[in-house]
Every structure is written in structure tokens, then in C-alpha cells.
Amino acid sequence: MSNIGLIIEEKAADIGNFLVGRLLPFREKRAVGPFVFIDHMGPAALRDYQNLDVAPHPHIGLSTLTYLFEGAIQHKDSLGNDIEIQPAAVNWMTAGKGVVHSERTPEYLRSTDKNLHGFQIWVALPKDLEQSEPTFHHTEATDIPVWTDGDVDYKLIAGQLSGRKSPVPVYSPLFFLEIKSKTAQKINIGKDLFGEVAMYVLDGTVSIEGHTFGGKQLLVAKEATLCEFEIGANTSVYLFGGEPFDEERFIFWNFVNSDKEIIEQAKMNWHQQNHDAFPLVPGDDEEYVPLPEAVRKSRLS
């Protein structure tokens, strides 16, 4: 019996002024462990007149994880953080009861050709932290645990696995692991995994139970402990997952919560620009992403 429960192809979605590949949520799978939203940004080649400009927008009930392979993003938030995200560093912003941030091309790159490629991820918070105070943590690339086993390189971007722990301050049992191989290898990592697990094939191929899968595919396993696969030469894959929550998480626009009424209040607060609930972003407060009309008029049933 196959251990693959679901195969998800990337589907295009808009962010800023270019397309990203939306991996989660998917109609048959709303979350993998605490991971509720994953976008694969790029790879995008932006000309000197093209820039990423995601104006200030709100979040509640989640942590955002930004991880770049290439390029740079200037992150500003309502906590006063103003930092450039570089490749292989981890930006971890916990929204809690409410935070606002913007994501833009850094000023020094705005008139040059540039590339942008990476992941943007939402991780749901445990129920008792959904209304916590917002926080921010930036982890430099040099602080992320890395190790090598033969021709296979591992990097634990977030969470705990194989006796190692990333310094990214997560709030529930989870893992986000990069695996890169220069040669074809058999990978048997199931004994270290827990909860739910999915694999994203970024480059190259993997073979599972006689079936080969290429790039831009997300494979969701039925049973984490049975995770075994053949990784092709020059292949990069990402494993993520962990323990799912007992309560369902609702996703509505940029808001995640286990309580529909809290989401409704957040919608109203953002639409009315209630700066007690959603403070302005210092240095980027002249515009914002308005609540979409369709979202304002609809309600979670």
C-alpha cells in the first residue's frame, strides 16, 4: 500500500506584482501539522523597474516564516522592526492578537535587475497563544543547524529533529528540514519524523515505491514514520510537518484562528483602520492593503 496520501501540484497565486506557487492550503488538505499556508515565491527575474511591494497588511493567530534562496526582502512591522532578509536566514514573526508588516524590495536594489526566490509560510499558533502579544525573531543563516551524511546535506530551518534544534522560537512540536544531495541516494528518515509530514520537491526528482516525482510537487505522507525515498542527483527537497492541533484552524484572508468571531472582529478592525488593534508600521505608514470587498461582505459559516 502506498504511503503517499496526496500529491499536490503548485497553483499560481498573486503576491505583490508577480506569481507564486501556492502549495497550502489545498481543498483536500487544509494543513500539515501546524503548517497552514505555504507559498513558493519565484524564482522570479525582476527588471530594474520591477519590485516586490507588499504594502502593510495584518495578521492574527499565526507565525510567519520567510526563507529565501535568492534575493532580498526589506521587512518592516508594527513592532518597529526594520530588517533585510537575506538568503538562508529565517524571519519569524508571531502575530498573536495582531501585527502589521510590509515586504518590499530593499531601496538599494529598486533600480537594478534582481532575482527573488524563496518560501513564505504560515504556522498556526496553539490555542492558548492565539491572542498573545506579537513578537519578532530574526535568525542568521550561520545559526541554523547543518550537517552532512555522505553526499547528503541537511539543514534544520525550524523545529526539532534528529536530536537537533533550530534557534527559531517555534511554539509547538514541528520540523522544517532541507535535504540536498549531489548524488542518487536512499533516504530513510522516517524514524526521526512525527505527526504529519509533507515533502516539497524543489529541484530534481525523488522516487517513492517505484513512482518518480519532479519539481513543484508536494507529497503528503499517510504515515510519517514510513518516510523513505530515493533522492536523485542534484536534488533539493523540503520536509515539513509536526503535531496537528486538536482544534480546527480557520483561514480567512490574512487571518488564522480557531475562533470565527475573533476573525470577524479582526476583519472589522482592519477595515476601520483601528490602530489600537493594528498599529501603523513605522517608516511605511502612507498606504496599506485594504480589506477586500468580498472578504468584508462574507462571513465564515
C-alpha atoms as a PDB file:
ATOM      1  CA  MET A   1       0.000   0.000   0.000  1.00  0.00           C
ATOM      2  CA  SER A   2       1.366   3.415  -0.914  1.00  0.00           C
ATOM      3  CA  ASN A   3       2.430   5.745   1.904  1.00  0.00           C
ATOM      4  CA  ILE A   4       1.570   8.805  -0.220  1.00  0.00           C
ATOM      5  CA  GLY A   5      -1.781  10.149   0.801  1.00  0.00           C
ATOM      6  CA  LEU A   6      -1.935  13.133  -1.513  1.00  0.00           C
ATOM      7  CA  ILE A   7       0.045  14.714  -4.364  1.00  0.00           C
ATOM      8  CA  ILE A   8      -0.431  18.454  -4.725  1.00  0.00           C
ATOM      9  CA  GLU A   9       0.717  20.416  -7.767  1.00  0.00           C
ATOM     10  CA  GLU A  10       1.653  24.073  -7.372  1.00  0.00           C
ATOM     11  CA  LYS A  11      -1.070  26.511  -8.342  1.00  0.00           C
ATOM     12  CA  ALA A  12      -0.395  30.115  -9.209  1.00  0.00           C
ATOM     13  CA  ALA A  13      -1.353  32.927  -6.842  1.00  0.00           C
ATOM     14  CA  ASP A  14      -0.589  36.648  -6.867  1.00  0.00           C
ATOM     15  CA  ILE A  15       1.686  38.365  -4.355  1.00  0.00           C
ATOM     16  CA  GLY A  16       2.939  41.868  -4.965  1.00  0.00           C
ATOM     17  CA  ASN A  17       3.401  42.070  -8.702  1.00  0.00           C
ATOM     18  CA  PHE A  18       4.400  38.519  -9.604  1.00  0.00           C
ATOM     19  CA  LEU A  19       3.101  34.981  -9.294  1.00  0.00           C
ATOM     20  CA  VAL A  20       3.934  32.489  -6.598  1.00  0.00           C
ATOM     21  CA  GLY A  21       3.150  28.796  -6.367  1.00  0.00           C
ATOM     22  CA  ARG A  22       0.518  28.145  -3.723  1.00  0.00           C
ATOM     23  CA  LEU A  23       1.052  24.789  -2.013  1.00  0.00           C
ATOM     24  CA  LEU A  24      -1.143  25.034   1.076  1.00  0.00           C
ATOM     25  CA  PRO A  25      -3.991  25.269   1.863  1.00  0.00           C
ATOM     26  CA  PHE A  26      -5.461  22.821  -0.630  1.00  0.00           C
ATOM     27  CA  ARG A  27      -9.076  21.715  -0.776  1.00  0.00           C
ATOM     28  CA  GLU A  28      -8.237  18.130   0.234  1.00  0.00           C
ATOM     29  CA  LYS A  29      -5.616  19.171   2.790  1.00  0.00           C
ATOM     30  CA  ARG A  30      -6.002  22.370   4.799  1.00  0.00           C
ATOM     31  CA  ALA A  31      -2.906  21.885   6.959  1.00  0.00           C
ATOM     32  CA  VAL A  32       0.101  19.633   7.556  1.00  0.00           C
ATOM     33  CA  GLY A  33       0.798  19.555  11.276  1.00  0.00           C
ATOM     34  CA  PRO A  34       0.698  23.232  12.334  1.00  0.00           C
ATOM     35  CA  PHE A  35       1.625  24.441   8.822  1.00  0.00           C
ATOM     36  CA  VAL A  36      -1.447  26.071   7.266  1.00  0.00           C
ATOM     37  CA  PHE A  37      -0.072  28.105   4.363  1.00  0.00           C
ATOM     38  CA  ILE A  38       2.955  27.704   2.092  1.00  0.00           C
ATOM     39  CA  ASP A  39       3.859  29.843  -0.903  1.00  0.00           C
ATOM     40  CA  HIS A  40       6.783  29.120  -3.192  1.00  0.00           C
ATOM     41  CA  MET A  41       7.935  32.550  -4.406  1.00  0.00           C
ATOM     42  CA  GLY A  42       9.624  32.556  -7.800  1.00  0.00           C
ATOM     43  CA  PRO A  43      12.170  32.024  -8.999  1.00  0.00           C
ATOM     44  CA  ALA A  44      11.397  35.469 -10.433  1.00  0.00           C
ATOM     45  CA  ALA A  45      13.740  37.620 -12.506  1.00  0.00           C
ATOM     46  CA  LEU A  46      12.721  41.216 -11.827  1.00  0.00           C
ATOM     47  CA  ARG A  47      13.858  44.021 -14.114  1.00  0.00           C
ATOM     48  CA  ASP A  48      15.164  47.359 -12.889  1.00  0.00           C
ATOM     49  CA  TYR A  49      11.633  48.778 -12.918  1.00  0.00           C
ATOM     50  CA  GLN A  50      10.002  45.764 -11.191  1.00  0.00           C
ATOM     51  CA  ASN A  51       9.983  45.441  -7.425  1.00  0.00           C
ATOM     52  CA  LEU A  52       8.269  43.466  -4.692  1.00  0.00           C
ATOM     53  CA  ASP A  53       5.885  45.849  -2.967  1.00  0.00           C
ATOM     54  CA  VAL A  54       3.530  44.226  -0.496  1.00  0.00           C
ATOM     55  CA  ALA A  55       2.118  47.199   1.430  1.00  0.00           C
ATOM     56  CA  PRO A  56       1.325  46.978   5.170  1.00  0.00           C
ATOM     57  CA  HIS A  57      -1.189  44.218   5.859  1.00  0.00           C
ATOM     58  CA  PRO A  58      -2.402  42.467   9.039  1.00  0.00           C
ATOM     59  CA  HIS A  59      -2.157  39.005  10.563  1.00  0.00           C
ATOM     60  CA  ILE A  60      -3.576  37.287  13.642  1.00  0.00           C
ATOM     61  CA  GLY A  61      -3.224  33.826  15.188  1.00  0.00           C
ATOM     62  CA  LEU A  62      -0.107  32.673  13.343  1.00  0.00           C
ATOM     63  CA  SER A  63       3.645  32.916  12.916  1.00  0.00           C
ATOM     64  CA  THR A  64       5.090  33.829   9.524  1.00  0.00           C
ATOM     65  CA  LEU A  65       8.304  32.189   8.358  1.00  0.00           C
ATOM     66  CA  THR A  66      10.170  33.739   5.451  1.00  0.00           C
ATOM     67  CA  TYR A  67      13.087  31.796   3.969  1.00  0.00           C
ATOM     68  CA  LEU A  68      14.889  32.954   0.815  1.00  0.00           C
ATOM     69  CA  PHE A  69      17.072  31.035  -1.624  1.00  0.00           C
ATOM     70  CA  GLU A  70      17.936  34.134  -3.612  1.00  0.00           C
ATOM     71  CA  GLY A  71      17.336  37.873  -3.447  1.00  0.00           C
ATOM     72  CA  ALA A  72      16.404  40.149  -0.557  1.00  0.00           C
ATOM     73  CA  ILE A  73      13.259  41.480   1.116  1.00  0.00           C
ATOM     74  CA  GLN A  74      13.006  44.501   3.389  1.00  0.00           C
ATOM     75  CA  HIS A  75      10.727  43.595   6.300  1.00  0.00           C
ATOM     76  CA  LYS A  76       9.084  46.329   8.377  1.00  0.00           C
ATOM     77  CA  ASP A  77       6.452  45.728  11.043  1.00  0.00           C
ATOM     78  CA  SER A  78       4.276  47.464  13.598  1.00  0.00           C
ATOM     79  CA  LEU A  79       6.652  46.353  16.370  1.00  0.00           C
ATOM     80  CA  GLY A  80       9.253  48.701  14.898  1.00  0.00           C
ATOM     81  CA  ASN A  81      11.453  46.056  13.263  1.00  0.00           C
ATOM     82  CA  ASP A  82      13.155  47.082  10.037  1.00  0.00           C
ATOM     83  CA  ILE A  83      15.414  44.346   8.698  1.00  0.00           C
ATOM     84  CA  GLU A  84      16.628  42.995   5.368  1.00  0.00           C
ATOM     85  CA  ILE A  85      16.009  39.288   4.869  1.00  0.00           C
ATOM     86  CA  GLN A  86      18.948  37.618   3.126  1.00  0.00           C
ATOM     87  CA  PRO A  87      19.127  34.084   1.674  1.00  0.00           C
ATOM     88  CA  ALA A  88      19.204  31.216   4.207  1.00  0.00           C
ATOM     89  CA  ALA A  89      18.277  33.455   7.164  1.00  0.00           C
ATOM     90  CA  VAL A  90      14.932  32.935   8.884  1.00  0.00           C
ATOM     91  CA  ASN A  91      12.446  35.701   9.590  1.00  0.00           C
ATOM     92  CA  TRP A  92       9.941  34.545  12.222  1.00  0.00           C
ATOM     93  CA  MET A  93       7.143  36.954  13.116  1.00  0.00           C
ATOM     94  CA  THR A  94       4.427  35.883  15.546  1.00  0.00           C
ATOM     95  CA  ALA A  95       1.214  37.810  15.038  1.00  0.00           C
ATOM     96  CA  GLY A  96      -0.677  36.675  18.132  1.00  0.00           C
ATOM     97  CA  LYS A  97      -3.583  39.079  18.670  1.00  0.00           C
ATOM     98  CA  GLY A  98      -2.468  41.303  15.796  1.00  0.00           C
ATOM     99  CA  VAL A  99       0.525  42.599  13.870  1.00  0.00           C
ATOM    100  CA  VAL A 100       1.052  44.559  10.643  1.00  0.00           C
ATOM    101  CA  HIS A 101       4.004  44.256   8.282  1.00  0.00           C
ATOM    102  CA  SER A 102       5.201  45.173   4.817  1.00  0.00           C
ATOM    103  CA  GLU A 103       7.544  43.352   2.449  1.00  0.00           C
ATOM    104  CA  ARG A 104       9.398  45.286  -0.224  1.00  0.00           C
ATOM    105  CA  THR A 105      12.485  45.228  -2.395  1.00  0.00           C
ATOM    106  CA  PRO A 106      15.296  46.974  -0.466  1.00  0.00           C
ATOM    107  CA  GLU A 107      15.944  50.534  -1.595  1.00  0.00           C
ATOM    108  CA  TYR A 108      19.428  49.838  -2.992  1.00  0.00           C
ATOM    109  CA  LEU A 109      18.021  47.151  -5.334  1.00  0.00           C
ATOM    110  CA  ARG A 110      14.982  49.003  -6.627  1.00  0.00           C
ATOM    111  CA  SER A 111      16.689  50.382  -9.771  1.00  0.00           C
ATOM    112  CA  THR A 112      18.634  47.251 -10.714  1.00  0.00           C
ATOM    113  CA  ASP A 113      17.825  43.851 -12.196  1.00  0.00           C
ATOM    114  CA  LYS A 114      17.425  41.254  -9.425  1.00  0.00           C
ATOM    115  CA  ASN A 115      16.098  37.802  -8.637  1.00  0.00           C
ATOM    116  CA  LEU A 116      13.754  36.658  -5.896  1.00  0.00           C
ATOM    117  CA  HIS A 117      13.150  33.080  -4.800  1.00  0.00           C
ATOM    118  CA  GLY A 118      12.026  31.539  -1.536  1.00  0.00           C
ATOM    119  CA  PHE A 119       9.278  30.308   0.763  1.00  0.00           C
ATOM    120  CA  GLN A 120       6.643  32.218   2.687  1.00  0.00           C
ATOM    121  CA  ILE A 121       4.974  30.081   5.325  1.00  0.00           C
ATOM    122  CA  TRP A 122       2.274  30.452   7.972  1.00  0.00           C
ATOM    123  CA  VAL A 123       2.391  28.308  11.096  1.00  0.00           C
ATOM    124  CA  ALA A 124      -0.746  28.265  13.248  1.00  0.00           C
ATOM    125  CA  LEU A 125      -0.362  29.025  16.948  1.00  0.00           C
ATOM    126  CA  PRO A 126      -1.556  26.843  19.822  1.00  0.00           C
ATOM    127  CA  LYS A 127      -4.986  27.930  21.033  1.00  0.00           C
ATOM    128  CA  ASP A 128      -3.635  29.495  24.243  1.00  0.00           C
ATOM    129  CA  LEU A 129      -1.249  31.706  22.249  1.00  0.00           C
ATOM    130  CA  GLU A 130      -3.599  32.876  19.508  1.00  0.00           C
ATOM    131  CA  GLN A 131      -4.264  36.102  21.448  1.00  0.00           C
ATOM    132  CA  SER A 132      -0.700  36.575  22.705  1.00  0.00           C
ATOM    133  CA  GLU A 133       1.340  39.744  22.250  1.00  0.00           C
ATOM    134  CA  PRO A 134       3.087  39.874  18.832  1.00  0.00           C
ATOM    135  CA  THR A 135       6.825  39.152  18.692  1.00  0.00           C
ATOM    136  CA  PHE A 136       9.610  39.052  16.113  1.00  0.00           C
ATOM    137  CA  HIS A 137      12.777  36.974  15.810  1.00  0.00           C
ATOM    138  CA  HIS A 138      15.441  37.015  13.097  1.00  0.00           C
ATOM    139  CA  THR A 139      17.868  34.076  12.860  1.00  0.00           C
ATOM    140  CA  GLU A 140      21.017  34.489  10.788  1.00  0.00           C
ATOM    141  CA  ALA A 141      21.945  31.800   8.269  1.00  0.00           C
ATOM    142  CA  THR A 142      25.094  30.928  10.245  1.00  0.00           C
ATOM    143  CA  ASP A 143      22.985  29.972  13.288  1.00  0.00           C
ATOM    144  CA  ILE A 144      20.863  27.341  11.520  1.00  0.00           C
ATOM    145  CA  PRO A 145      21.929  23.725  12.288  1.00  0.00           C
ATOM    146  CA  VAL A 146      23.520  21.965   9.314  1.00  0.00           C
ATOM    147  CA  TRP A 147      25.084  18.516   8.972  1.00  0.00           C
ATOM    148  CA  THR A 148      26.269  16.128   6.282  1.00  0.00           C
ATOM    149  CA  ASP A 149      25.826  12.403   5.857  1.00  0.00           C
ATOM    150  CA  GLY A 150      27.842  11.183   2.870  1.00  0.00           C
ATOM    151  CA  ASP A 151      26.793  13.224  -0.157  1.00  0.00           C
ATOM    152  CA  VAL A 152      23.610  14.435   1.547  1.00  0.00           C
ATOM    153  CA  ASP A 153      23.442  17.849   3.226  1.00  0.00           C
ATOM    154  CA  TYR A 154      20.806  18.602   5.855  1.00  0.00           C
ATOM    155  CA  LYS A 155      19.631  21.908   7.291  1.00  0.00           C
ATOM    156  CA  LEU A 156      17.092  22.191  10.121  1.00  0.00           C
ATOM    157  CA  ILE A 157      15.435  25.512   9.305  1.00  0.00           C
ATOM    158  CA  ALA A 158      12.935  25.362  12.182  1.00  0.00           C
ATOM    159  CA  GLY A 159      11.831  22.975  14.893  1.00  0.00           C
ATOM    160  CA  GLN A 160      13.467  19.847  16.300  1.00  0.00           C
ATOM    161  CA  LEU A 161      14.632  16.684  14.563  1.00  0.00           C
ATOM    162  CA  SER A 162      17.314  14.016  14.895  1.00  0.00           C
ATOM    163  CA  GLY A 163      18.432  15.361  18.264  1.00  0.00           C
ATOM    164  CA  ARG A 164      18.995  18.824  16.820  1.00  0.00           C
ATOM    165  CA  LYS A 165      17.112  22.046  17.456  1.00  0.00           C
ATOM    166  CA  SER A 166      16.829  25.207  15.383  1.00  0.00           C
ATOM    167  CA  PRO A 167      17.063  28.509  17.303  1.00  0.00           C
ATOM    168  CA  VAL A 168      13.876  29.738  15.616  1.00  0.00           C
ATOM    169  CA  PRO A 169      11.424  30.079  18.563  1.00  0.00           C
ATOM    170  CA  VAL A 170       8.534  27.834  17.499  1.00  0.00           C
ATOM    171  CA  TYR A 171       5.537  27.225  19.775  1.00  0.00           C
ATOM    172  CA  SER A 172       4.521  23.649  19.028  1.00  0.00           C
ATOM    173  CA  PRO A 173       6.260  20.387  18.007  1.00  0.00           C
ATOM    174  CA  LEU A 174       7.237  20.813  14.342  1.00  0.00           C
ATOM    175  CA  PHE A 175      10.065  20.472  11.832  1.00  0.00           C
ATOM    176  CA  PHE A 176      11.117  22.193   8.614  1.00  0.00           C
ATOM    177  CA  LEU A 177      14.066  20.372   7.058  1.00  0.00           C
ATOM    178  CA  GLU A 178      16.108  20.959   3.902  1.00  0.00           C
ATOM    179  CA  ILE A 179      17.733  17.927   2.240  1.00  0.00           C
ATOM    180  CA  LYS A 180      20.155  18.327  -0.676  1.00  0.00           C
ATOM    181  CA  SER A 181      22.006  15.547  -2.422  1.00  0.00           C
ATOM    182  CA  LYS A 182      24.748  15.690  -5.058  1.00  0.00           C
ATOM    183  CA  THR A 183      24.280  12.018  -5.948  1.00  0.00           C
ATOM    184  CA  ALA A 184      21.427   9.498  -6.014  1.00  0.00           C
ATOM    185  CA  GLN A 185      20.834   8.189  -2.504  1.00  0.00           C
ATOM    186  CA  LYS A 186      18.342   6.276  -0.420  1.00  0.00           C
ATOM    187  CA  ILE A 187      16.965   8.419   2.402  1.00  0.00           C
ATOM    188  CA  ASN A 188      15.295   6.759   5.382  1.00  0.00           C
ATOM    189  CA  ILE A 189      14.365   9.480   7.822  1.00  0.00           C
ATOM    190  CA  GLY A 190      11.001   8.218   8.987  1.00  0.00           C
ATOM    191  CA  LYS A 191      12.275   7.146  12.404  1.00  0.00           C
ATOM    192  CA  ASP A 192      13.009  10.801  13.211  1.00  0.00           C
ATOM    193  CA  LEU A 193       9.716  12.265  11.984  1.00  0.00           C
ATOM    194  CA  PHE A 194       6.484  12.693  13.938  1.00  0.00           C
ATOM    195  CA  GLY A 195       2.941  13.875  13.479  1.00  0.00           C
ATOM    196  CA  GLU A 196       2.056  14.728   9.902  1.00  0.00           C
ATOM    197  CA  VAL A 197       4.661  15.202   7.169  1.00  0.00           C
ATOM    198  CA  ALA A 198       4.819  16.571   3.642  1.00  0.00           C
ATOM    199  CA  MET A 199       7.665  16.751   1.157  1.00  0.00           C
ATOM    200  CA  TYR A 200       8.157  19.509  -1.385  1.00  0.00           C
ATOM    201  CA  VAL A 201      10.446  18.709  -4.329  1.00  0.00           C
ATOM    202  CA  LEU A 202      12.141  21.971  -5.252  1.00  0.00           C
ATOM    203  CA  ASP A 203      14.686  20.719  -7.790  1.00  0.00           C
ATOM    204  CA  GLY A 204      15.469  17.295  -9.208  1.00  0.00           C
ATOM    205  CA  THR A 205      13.479  14.127  -8.567  1.00  0.00           C
ATOM    206  CA  VAL A 206      12.540  11.685  -5.855  1.00  0.00           C
ATOM    207  CA  SER A 207      11.319   8.115  -6.250  1.00  0.00           C
ATOM    208  CA  ILE A 208       8.885   6.557  -3.802  1.00  0.00           C
ATOM    209  CA  GLU A 209       7.652   2.992  -4.094  1.00  0.00           C
ATOM    210  CA  GLY A 210       8.512   2.860  -7.792  1.00  0.00           C
ATOM    211  CA  HIS A 211       6.998   6.238  -8.682  1.00  0.00           C
ATOM    212  CA  THR A 212       9.109   9.255  -9.662  1.00  0.00           C
ATOM    213  CA  PHE A 213       8.149  12.814  -8.775  1.00  0.00           C
ATOM    214  CA  GLY A 214       9.688  16.004 -10.081  1.00  0.00           C
ATOM    215  CA  GLY A 215       9.881  19.624  -9.078  1.00  0.00           C
ATOM    216  CA  LYS A 216       6.932  21.743  -7.939  1.00  0.00           C
ATOM    217  CA  GLN A 217       5.117  18.824  -6.358  1.00  0.00           C
ATOM    218  CA  LEU A 218       4.069  18.488  -2.730  1.00  0.00           C
ATOM    219  CA  LEU A 219       3.728  14.943  -1.425  1.00  0.00           C
ATOM    220  CA  VAL A 220       1.736  14.378   1.748  1.00  0.00           C
ATOM    221  CA  ALA A 221       2.521  11.145   3.593  1.00  0.00           C
ATOM    222  CA  LYS A 222      -0.106   8.946   5.202  1.00  0.00           C
ATOM    223  CA  GLU A 223       2.309   7.898   7.941  1.00  0.00           C
ATOM    224  CA  ALA A 224       5.359   9.987   8.901  1.00  0.00           C
ATOM    225  CA  THR A 225       7.343   7.076  10.351  1.00  0.00           C
ATOM    226  CA  LEU A 226       7.291   5.293   6.983  1.00  0.00           C
ATOM    227  CA  CYS A 227       9.032   8.177   5.196  1.00  0.00           C
ATOM    228  CA  GLU A 228      11.604   6.534   2.918  1.00  0.00           C
ATOM    229  CA  PHE A 229      12.562   7.641  -0.577  1.00  0.00           C
ATOM    230  CA  GLU A 230      15.219   7.662  -3.275  1.00  0.00           C
ATOM    231  CA  ILE A 231      16.615  11.124  -3.891  1.00  0.00           C
ATOM    232  CA  GLY A 232      18.059  11.846  -7.330  1.00  0.00           C
ATOM    233  CA  ALA A 233      21.370  13.529  -8.091  1.00  0.00           C
ATOM    234  CA  ASN A 234      21.390  17.313  -7.637  1.00  0.00           C
ATOM    235  CA  THR A 235      18.023  17.254  -5.893  1.00  0.00           C
ATOM    236  CA  SER A 236      16.671  19.564  -3.199  1.00  0.00           C
ATOM    237  CA  VAL A 237      13.637  18.620  -1.101  1.00  0.00           C
ATOM    238  CA  TYR A 238      11.975  20.112   1.952  1.00  0.00           C
ATOM    239  CA  LEU A 239      10.211  18.136   4.659  1.00  0.00           C
ATOM    240  CA  PHE A 240       7.813  19.930   6.961  1.00  0.00           C
ATOM    241  CA  GLY A 241       5.197  18.910   9.449  1.00  0.00           C
ATOM    242  CA  GLY A 242       4.652  18.083  13.074  1.00  0.00           C
ATOM    243  CA  GLU A 243       1.885  17.518  15.560  1.00  0.00           C
ATOM    244  CA  PRO A 244      -1.536  18.765  14.384  1.00  0.00           C
ATOM    245  CA  PHE A 245      -3.742  20.725  16.759  1.00  0.00           C
ATOM    246  CA  ASP A 246      -6.877  19.252  18.286  1.00  0.00           C
ATOM    247  CA  GLU A 247      -8.978  22.244  17.188  1.00  0.00           C
ATOM    248  CA  GLU A 248      -9.680  23.209  13.587  1.00  0.00           C
ATOM    249  CA  ARG A 249      -7.959  26.352  12.324  1.00  0.00           C
ATOM    250  CA  PHE A 250      -9.945  28.732  10.144  1.00  0.00           C
ATOM    251  CA  ILE A 251      -8.138  30.776   7.484  1.00  0.00           C
ATOM    252  CA  PHE A 252      -9.807  33.892   6.184  1.00  0.00           C
ATOM    253  CA  TRP A 253      -7.706  36.279   4.088  1.00  0.00           C
ATOM    254  CA  ASN A 254      -4.613  37.021   6.245  1.00  0.00           C
ATOM    255  CA  PHE A 255      -6.197  35.807   9.473  1.00  0.00           C
ATOM    256  CA  VAL A 256      -5.852  32.405  11.166  1.00  0.00           C
ATOM    257  CA  ASN A 257      -7.709  31.422  14.334  1.00  0.00           C
ATOM    258  CA  SER A 258      -9.697  28.650  15.978  1.00  0.00           C
ATOM    259  CA  ASP A 259     -12.471  31.162  16.804  1.00  0.00           C
ATOM    260  CA  LYS A 260     -14.517  32.518  13.905  1.00  0.00           C
ATOM    261  CA  GLU A 261     -15.696  35.522  15.943  1.00  0.00           C
ATOM    262  CA  ILE A 262     -12.114  36.646  16.552  1.00  0.00           C
ATOM    263  CA  ILE A 263     -11.564  36.592  12.796  1.00  0.00           C
ATOM    264  CA  GLU A 264     -14.732  38.629  12.254  1.00  0.00           C
ATOM    265  CA  GLN A 265     -13.517  41.215  14.767  1.00  0.00           C
ATOM    266  CA  ALA A 266     -10.104  41.355  13.081  1.00  0.00           C
ATOM    267  CA  LYS A 267     -11.798  41.988   9.738  1.00  0.00           C
ATOM    268  CA  MET A 268     -13.735  44.884  11.208  1.00  0.00           C
ATOM    269  CA  ASN A 269     -10.685  46.313  12.965  1.00  0.00           C
ATOM    270  CA  TRP A 270      -8.636  46.309   9.773  1.00  0.00           C
ATOM    271  CA  HIS A 271     -11.435  47.679   7.613  1.00  0.00           C
ATOM    272  CA  GLN A 272     -11.951  50.545  10.062  1.00  0.00           C
ATOM    273  CA  GLN A 273      -8.192  51.011  10.448  1.00  0.00           C
ATOM    274  CA  ASN A 274      -8.352  50.580  14.201  1.00  0.00           C
ATOM    275  CA  HIS A 275      -4.757  51.356  15.124  1.00  0.00           C
ATOM    276  CA  ASP A 276      -5.211  50.114  18.684  1.00  0.00           C
ATOM    277  CA  ALA A 277      -5.768  46.628  17.277  1.00  0.00           C
ATOM    278  CA  PHE A 278      -3.463  47.003  14.263  1.00  0.00           C
ATOM    279  CA  PRO A 279      -0.779  49.673  14.827  1.00  0.00           C
ATOM    280  CA  LEU A 280       0.888  51.517  11.973  1.00  0.00           C
ATOM    281  CA  VAL A 281       4.225  50.350  10.567  1.00  0.00           C
ATOM    282  CA  PRO A 282       6.907  52.949  11.374  1.00  0.00           C
ATOM    283  CA  GLY A 283       8.531  54.171   8.186  1.00  0.00           C
ATOM    284  CA  ASP A 284       5.842  52.598   5.988  1.00  0.00           C
ATOM    285  CA  ASP A 285       2.523  54.125   7.029  1.00  0.00           C
ATOM    286  CA  GLU A 286       1.374  56.007   3.936  1.00  0.00           C
ATOM    287  CA  GLU A 287      -0.522  53.102   2.368  1.00  0.00           C
ATOM    288  CA  TYR A 288      -1.982  49.747   3.308  1.00  0.00           C
ATOM    289  CA  VAL A 289      -3.631  46.721   1.729  1.00  0.00           C
ATOM    290  CA  PRO A 290      -7.383  47.288   2.169  1.00  0.00           C
ATOM    291  CA  LEU A 291      -9.677  44.504   3.286  1.00  0.00           C
ATOM    292  CA  PRO A 292     -11.002  43.007   0.030  1.00  0.00           C
ATOM    293  CA  GLU A 293     -14.650  43.827  -0.524  1.00  0.00           C
ATOM    294  CA  ALA A 294     -15.531  40.177  -0.977  1.00  0.00           C
ATOM    295  CA  VAL A 295     -13.909  39.341   2.364  1.00  0.00           C
ATOM    296  CA  ARG A 296     -15.667  42.226   4.118  1.00  0.00           C
ATOM    297  CA  LYS A 297     -19.101  41.096   2.909  1.00  0.00           C
ATOM    298  CA  SER A 298     -18.576  37.384   3.536  1.00  0.00           C
ATOM    299  CA  ARG A 299     -18.562  35.556   6.825  1.00  0.00           C
ATOM    300  CA  LEU A 300     -17.181  32.221   7.950  1.00  0.00           C
ATOM    301  CA  SER A 301     -20.077  29.782   8.104  1.00  0.00           C
END
